[in-house]
Protein backbone atom coordinates (compact mmCIF):
# COMPACT_ATOMS: atom_id res chain seq x y z
CA MET A 1 0.00 0.00 0.00
CA ALA A 2 2.91 2.33 0.70
CA ASP A 3 4.14 1.79 -2.86
CA PHE A 4 0.71 2.71 -4.22
CA TYR A 5 0.59 5.96 -2.26
CA ALA A 6 4.17 6.84 -3.24
CA GLY A 7 3.34 6.35 -6.92
CA TYR A 8 0.04 8.20 -6.60
CA ILE A 9 1.58 11.22 -4.87
CA SER A 10 4.42 11.41 -7.35
CA GLY A 11 1.82 11.17 -10.12
CA ILE A 12 -0.08 14.14 -8.69
CA PHE A 13 3.15 16.12 -8.58
CA ALA A 14 3.90 15.25 -12.21
CA ILE A 15 0.42 16.23 -13.40
CA LEU A 16 0.33 19.59 -11.62
CA VAL A 17 3.90 20.63 -12.44
CA GLY A 18 3.59 19.65 -16.09
CA SER A 19 0.12 21.12 -16.62
CA PRO A 20 1.11 24.61 -17.94
CA LEU A 21 3.47 23.09 -20.51
CA ASP A 22 0.85 20.52 -21.47
CA ILE A 23 -1.74 23.27 -22.05
CA LEU A 24 0.75 25.20 -24.18
CA LYS A 25 1.53 22.06 -26.18
CA VAL A 26 -2.15 21.33 -26.88
CA HIS A 27 -2.79 24.91 -28.02
CA LEU A 28 0.19 24.86 -30.37
CA GLN A 29 -0.85 21.48 -31.77
CA SER A 30 -4.45 22.46 -32.42
CA ARG A 31 -3.97 25.77 -34.22
CA SER A 32 -6.34 25.95 -37.21
CA SER A 33 -7.50 22.45 -36.32
CA SER A 34 -10.45 22.56 -38.68
CA PRO A 35 -9.82 23.07 -42.39
CA PHE A 36 -13.28 24.64 -42.67
CA SER A 37 -12.81 27.25 -39.96
CA SER A 38 -10.81 30.43 -39.98
CA PRO A 39 -8.02 30.94 -37.46
CA SER A 40 -9.95 33.63 -35.65
CA THR A 41 -12.85 31.27 -34.92
CA THR A 42 -10.72 28.41 -33.65
CA PRO A 43 -10.71 28.31 -29.81
CA SER A 44 -6.97 27.63 -29.73
CA SER A 45 -6.02 30.23 -32.31
CA PRO A 46 -3.02 32.40 -31.43
CA LEU A 47 -4.96 35.32 -32.96
CA SER A 48 -7.63 35.01 -30.31
CA SER A 49 -7.86 37.84 -27.77
CA THR A 50 -8.33 35.37 -24.92
CA PRO A 51 -5.12 34.94 -22.86
CA LEU A 52 -3.78 31.42 -22.56
CA PHE A 53 -3.73 31.66 -18.74
CA PRO A 54 -6.33 34.27 -17.75
CA THR A 55 -6.46 33.20 -14.07
CA VAL A 56 -4.26 31.37 -11.58
CA THR A 57 -6.41 28.23 -11.73
CA SER A 58 -6.16 28.16 -15.52
CA TYR A 59 -2.60 26.85 -15.16
CA ILE A 60 -4.03 23.53 -14.02
CA ARG A 61 -7.27 23.38 -15.99
CA GLY A 62 -8.11 19.96 -17.34
CA THR A 63 -6.23 18.14 -14.58
CA ALA A 64 -9.28 16.84 -12.69
CA GLY A 65 -9.60 13.69 -14.78
CA PRO A 66 -5.90 12.76 -14.73
CA LEU A 67 -5.72 13.43 -10.98
CA LEU A 68 -8.67 11.15 -10.27
CA GLY A 69 -7.62 8.43 -12.69
CA ASN A 70 -3.88 8.46 -12.00
CA GLY A 71 -3.85 5.55 -9.55
CA GLY A 72 -6.14 3.31 -11.58
CA LEU A 73 -4.35 3.90 -14.88
CA ASN A 74 -0.96 3.23 -13.33
CA ALA A 75 -2.28 0.06 -11.73
CA ILE A 76 -3.56 -1.21 -15.10
CA LEU A 77 -0.32 -0.27 -16.82
CA TYR A 78 1.95 -1.91 -14.27
CA CYS A 79 -0.11 -5.03 -13.74
CA THR A 80 -0.16 -5.62 -17.49
CA TYR A 81 3.52 -4.78 -17.89
CA ASN A 82 4.67 -7.05 -15.08
CA ARG A 83 2.43 -9.93 -16.13
CA ILE A 84 3.47 -9.82 -19.80
CA LEU A 85 7.14 -9.40 -18.91
CA SER A 86 7.03 -12.40 -16.57
CA LEU A 87 5.52 -14.51 -19.35
CA LEU A 88 8.20 -13.44 -21.82
CA SER A 89 11.18 -13.71 -19.47
CA ALA A 90 13.13 -16.77 -18.45
CA PRO A 91 12.10 -17.97 -14.96
CA GLN A 92 15.76 -18.27 -13.94
CA GLN A 93 16.57 -14.63 -14.72
CA PRO A 94 13.42 -12.50 -14.36
CA ARG A 95 15.47 -9.30 -13.93
CA GLN A 96 17.54 -9.86 -17.08
CA SER A 97 14.69 -9.70 -19.55
CA SER A 98 15.56 -8.93 -23.14
CA LEU A 99 14.96 -5.41 -24.37
CA ALA A 100 12.54 -6.81 -26.95
CA ALA A 101 10.46 -8.42 -24.20
CA ILE A 102 10.51 -5.16 -22.25
CA TRP A 103 9.24 -3.27 -25.31
CA VAL A 104 6.43 -5.76 -25.91
CA ALA A 105 5.37 -5.69 -22.25
CA GLY A 106 5.38 -1.89 -22.20
CA ALA A 107 3.41 -1.71 -25.45
CA ALA A 108 0.80 -4.13 -24.10
CA GLY A 109 0.46 -2.10 -20.91
CA GLY A 110 0.08 1.14 -22.84
CA ALA A 111 -2.54 -0.31 -25.16
CA LEU A 112 -4.69 -1.69 -22.33
CA SER A 113 -4.47 1.42 -20.18
CA CYS A 114 -5.66 3.46 -23.15
CA VAL A 115 -9.03 1.72 -23.01
CA PHE A 116 -9.67 3.55 -19.75
CA GLY A 117 -7.44 6.55 -20.41
CA ALA A 118 -9.01 7.69 -23.70
CA PRO A 119 -12.05 9.38 -22.10
CA VAL A 120 -9.78 11.07 -19.55
CA GLU A 121 -7.57 12.39 -22.34
CA LEU A 122 -10.45 13.74 -24.42
CA VAL A 123 -11.98 15.58 -21.47
CA LYS A 124 -8.59 16.98 -20.49
CA VAL A 125 -7.83 18.30 -23.97
CA ARG A 126 -11.29 19.85 -24.40
CA ALA A 127 -11.03 21.55 -20.99
CA GLN A 128 -7.58 22.91 -21.87
CA ILE A 129 -8.84 24.36 -25.14
CA ARG A 130 -11.95 25.96 -23.61
CA PRO A 131 -11.00 28.04 -20.53
CA GLY A 132 -14.67 28.64 -19.64
CA GLU A 133 -15.49 24.96 -19.09
CA ASN A 134 -14.26 22.65 -16.35
CA SER A 135 -13.68 18.93 -16.80
CA TYR A 136 -17.08 17.94 -15.42
CA GLU A 137 -18.93 20.29 -17.76
CA VAL A 138 -16.96 19.03 -20.74
CA ALA A 139 -17.63 15.37 -19.91
CA ARG A 140 -21.32 15.97 -19.25
CA GLY A 141 -21.71 17.86 -22.52
CA VAL A 142 -20.03 15.13 -24.57
CA VAL A 143 -22.11 12.34 -23.02
CA ARG A 144 -25.33 14.31 -23.42
CA ARG A 145 -24.74 15.00 -27.11
CA GLU A 146 -22.94 11.87 -28.28
CA GLY A 147 -23.24 9.28 -25.53
CA VAL A 148 -20.35 7.39 -24.01
CA ARG A 149 -19.02 6.67 -27.49
CA GLY A 150 -18.21 10.36 -27.88
CA LEU A 151 -15.64 10.08 -25.09
CA TYR A 152 -13.58 7.78 -27.31
CA LEU A 153 -13.13 10.24 -30.16
CA GLY A 154 -9.50 9.86 -31.25
CA GLY A 155 -9.17 6.70 -29.18
CA LEU A 156 -7.66 4.60 -31.95
CA VAL A 157 -4.76 6.92 -32.73
CA MET A 158 -4.28 7.43 -28.99
CA GLY A 159 -4.06 3.67 -28.53
CA VAL A 160 -1.31 3.43 -31.14
CA ARG A 161 0.49 6.37 -29.56
CA ASP A 162 0.33 4.94 -26.04
CA SER A 163 1.25 1.43 -27.11
CA VAL A 164 4.29 2.44 -29.16
CA GLY A 165 5.26 5.21 -26.76
CA CYS A 166 5.12 3.11 -23.60
CA GLY A 167 7.02 0.33 -25.33
CA PHE A 168 9.84 2.68 -26.25
CA TYR A 169 9.79 4.37 -22.84
CA PHE A 170 10.36 1.14 -20.94
CA TRP A 171 12.88 0.03 -23.57
CA ALA A 172 14.85 3.29 -23.46
CA TYR A 173 14.79 3.50 -19.68
CA GLU A 174 16.04 -0.04 -19.22
CA TYR A 175 18.70 0.37 -21.91
CA ILE A 176 20.03 3.59 -20.34
CA LYS A 177 19.90 2.05 -16.88
CA ARG A 178 21.96 -0.94 -18.04
CA LEU A 179 24.54 1.35 -19.64
CA LEU A 180 24.89 3.34 -16.43
CA ARG A 181 25.07 0.14 -14.38
CA HIS A 182 27.90 -1.11 -16.61
CA GLU A 183 29.81 2.13 -16.01
CA GLU A 184 29.21 1.81 -12.28
CA VAL A 185 30.62 -1.72 -12.18
CA ALA A 186 33.61 -0.71 -14.31
CA GLY A 187 34.29 2.26 -12.08
CA GLY A 188 34.21 0.27 -8.86
CA GLY A 189 30.91 1.59 -7.50
CA GLN A 190 29.63 5.07 -6.64
CA ASP A 191 27.89 6.95 -3.86
CA GLN A 192 24.13 7.02 -3.48
CA GLN A 193 23.82 10.64 -4.58
CA MET A 194 25.48 9.93 -7.92
CA ALA A 195 23.27 6.87 -8.40
CA GLY A 196 20.20 9.04 -7.80
CA MET A 197 21.36 11.57 -10.39
CA LYS A 198 21.75 8.79 -12.94
CA ILE A 199 18.20 7.61 -12.23
CA LEU A 200 16.94 11.15 -12.83
CA LEU A 201 18.89 11.34 -16.07
CA ALA A 202 17.68 7.95 -17.30
CA GLY A 203 14.04 8.76 -16.60
CA GLY A 204 14.21 12.18 -18.24
CA VAL A 205 16.04 11.01 -21.35
CA ALA A 206 13.76 7.98 -21.78
CA GLY A 207 10.72 10.23 -21.52
CA CYS A 208 12.08 12.58 -24.20
CA ILE A 209 12.97 9.71 -26.54
CA SER A 210 9.56 8.07 -26.28
CA TRP A 211 7.68 11.32 -26.81
CA LEU A 212 9.84 12.28 -29.78
CA LEU A 213 9.08 8.99 -31.52
CA VAL A 214 5.30 9.28 -31.19
CA TYR A 215 4.85 13.06 -31.26
CA PRO A 216 3.26 13.25 -34.75
CA LEU A 217 0.62 10.79 -33.53
CA ASP A 218 -0.03 13.03 -30.54
CA VAL A 219 -0.58 16.03 -32.83
CA ILE A 220 -3.07 14.05 -34.91
CA LYS A 221 -4.82 12.81 -31.78
CA THR A 222 -5.19 16.34 -30.44
CA ARG A 223 -6.55 17.66 -33.73
CA VAL A 224 -9.13 14.89 -33.85
CA GLN A 225 -10.26 15.49 -30.28
CA VAL A 226 -10.59 19.29 -30.46
CA GLN A 227 -13.21 18.98 -33.18
CA GLY A 228 -15.88 20.22 -30.81
CA GLU A 229 -19.28 21.79 -31.26
CA CYS A 230 -18.13 24.99 -32.93
CA GLU A 231 -15.77 23.38 -35.40
CA GLY A 232 -18.20 20.52 -35.99
CA LEU A 233 -20.94 22.97 -36.98
CA LEU A 234 -18.64 24.88 -39.31
CA ALA A 235 -17.42 21.68 -40.91
CA LYS A 236 -19.77 19.58 -42.97
CA ARG A 237 -18.66 16.45 -41.14
CA ARG A 238 -16.26 15.35 -38.45
CA LEU A 239 -12.86 14.32 -39.74
CA GLY A 240 -11.15 11.05 -38.86
CA ALA A 241 -7.51 10.64 -37.90
CA TRP A 242 -6.26 10.09 -41.46
CA GLU A 243 -8.26 13.04 -42.78
CA CYS A 244 -6.96 15.27 -39.97
CA ALA A 245 -3.42 14.20 -40.80
CA LYS A 246 -3.88 15.05 -44.48
CA SER A 247 -5.49 18.37 -43.60
CA ALA A 248 -2.65 19.24 -41.24
CA TYR A 249 -0.04 18.40 -43.85
CA ALA A 250 -1.85 20.54 -46.42
CA GLU A 251 -1.82 23.46 -43.97
CA GLY A 252 1.83 23.44 -42.95
CA GLY A 253 3.70 20.49 -44.42
CA GLY A 254 5.63 18.06 -42.25
CA ARG A 255 6.57 20.74 -39.72
CA VAL A 256 3.01 20.94 -38.45
CA PHE A 257 3.38 17.49 -36.88
CA PHE A 258 6.00 18.91 -34.53
CA ASN A 259 4.15 22.00 -33.33
CA GLY A 260 4.65 22.29 -29.58
CA LEU A 261 7.51 19.78 -29.50
CA GLY A 262 9.71 22.06 -27.41
CA ALA A 263 7.09 22.37 -24.67
CA CYS A 264 6.55 18.61 -24.80
CA MET A 265 10.26 17.83 -24.43
CA ALA A 266 10.63 20.22 -21.50
CA ARG A 267 7.62 18.70 -19.79
CA ALA A 268 8.75 15.14 -20.49
CA PHE A 269 12.16 15.64 -18.90
CA LEU A 270 10.85 17.75 -16.02
CA VAL A 271 8.09 15.27 -15.15
CA ARG A 272 9.78 11.94 -15.90
CA SER A 273 12.99 12.55 -13.96
CA PRO A 274 11.60 12.92 -10.41
CA TYR A 275 8.80 10.44 -11.16
CA SER A 276 11.23 7.70 -12.14
CA TYR A 277 13.40 8.48 -9.13
CA THR A 278 10.44 8.08 -6.77
CA ARG A 279 9.50 4.71 -8.23
CA VAL A 280 13.03 3.33 -8.17
CA GLN A 281 13.54 4.52 -4.60
CA ARG A 282 10.42 2.59 -3.61
CA HIS A 283 11.13 -0.51 -5.71
CA GLY A 284 14.90 -0.72 -5.73
CA THR A 285 15.84 -2.27 -9.05
CA GLY A 286 12.37 -1.96 -10.54
CA VAL A 287 11.65 0.08 -13.61
CA ALA A 288 10.45 3.66 -13.59
CA VAL A 289 6.83 4.56 -14.00
CA ALA A 290 5.69 4.79 -17.59
CA MET A 291 5.74 7.98 -19.56
CA GLY A 292 2.28 9.03 -18.48
CA PHE A 293 0.67 10.26 -21.70
CA ASP A 294 -2.53 11.05 -19.88
CA GLU A 295 -1.04 13.35 -17.31
């Protein structure tokens, strides 16, 4: 139970600290999200007169869902990861799993957690785009108009993103950790403070690598999910993931799929470093917590 609370508290810290950068990332990703709407009518448009953070509480808007679902999503992710990894690893050496097995286990965990995380993500993104609505109002509005199915808009591309991203996060973290462990053995050991710094570095770098590899998918996912009432009325029909991708490419070429990447990288390193350190401190040689796409 102590491990659960340690992970949950560190998750809350990660969500709150990373929220302003996450809001900035979503706004940059969703500029001119509808090909049928003008920039001035798009809620996330940089030409809008509405400030990005009009009040103090706006720095953490959209965090209600992730805060409430943090423990459950992590439990699903880790239970799946550990179970799959144990099935793929040799019984004699459970802690020397191959990097391929680690990737598969992480991908399976990410895919399953997305089933429950997709509604949380949609509500979070909509609340971040619309400063006047809180998470409860957004969720209630979606369910009233579209039913529960509406909460899974963009769920497929999110599932691919989370599966591939979590796989590469666990893979990168374990690979970096093994490299640092090899240096430690070759150097005759090191003090605890230096070991902690290496854990921070491994978690931060792994988070950046995993996000970089799936970032275009995240841009597409955001553009699909911000097709709300206003854009939906202006457009003749709601666009799917592939259509949103083609529309985005037509607007700005390949560069559009990396809008907001700087904010994402800063958030990934800032959030993943202390989060991974907390988990390793609690679990010793265990792996760090996953990249947390839904935070």
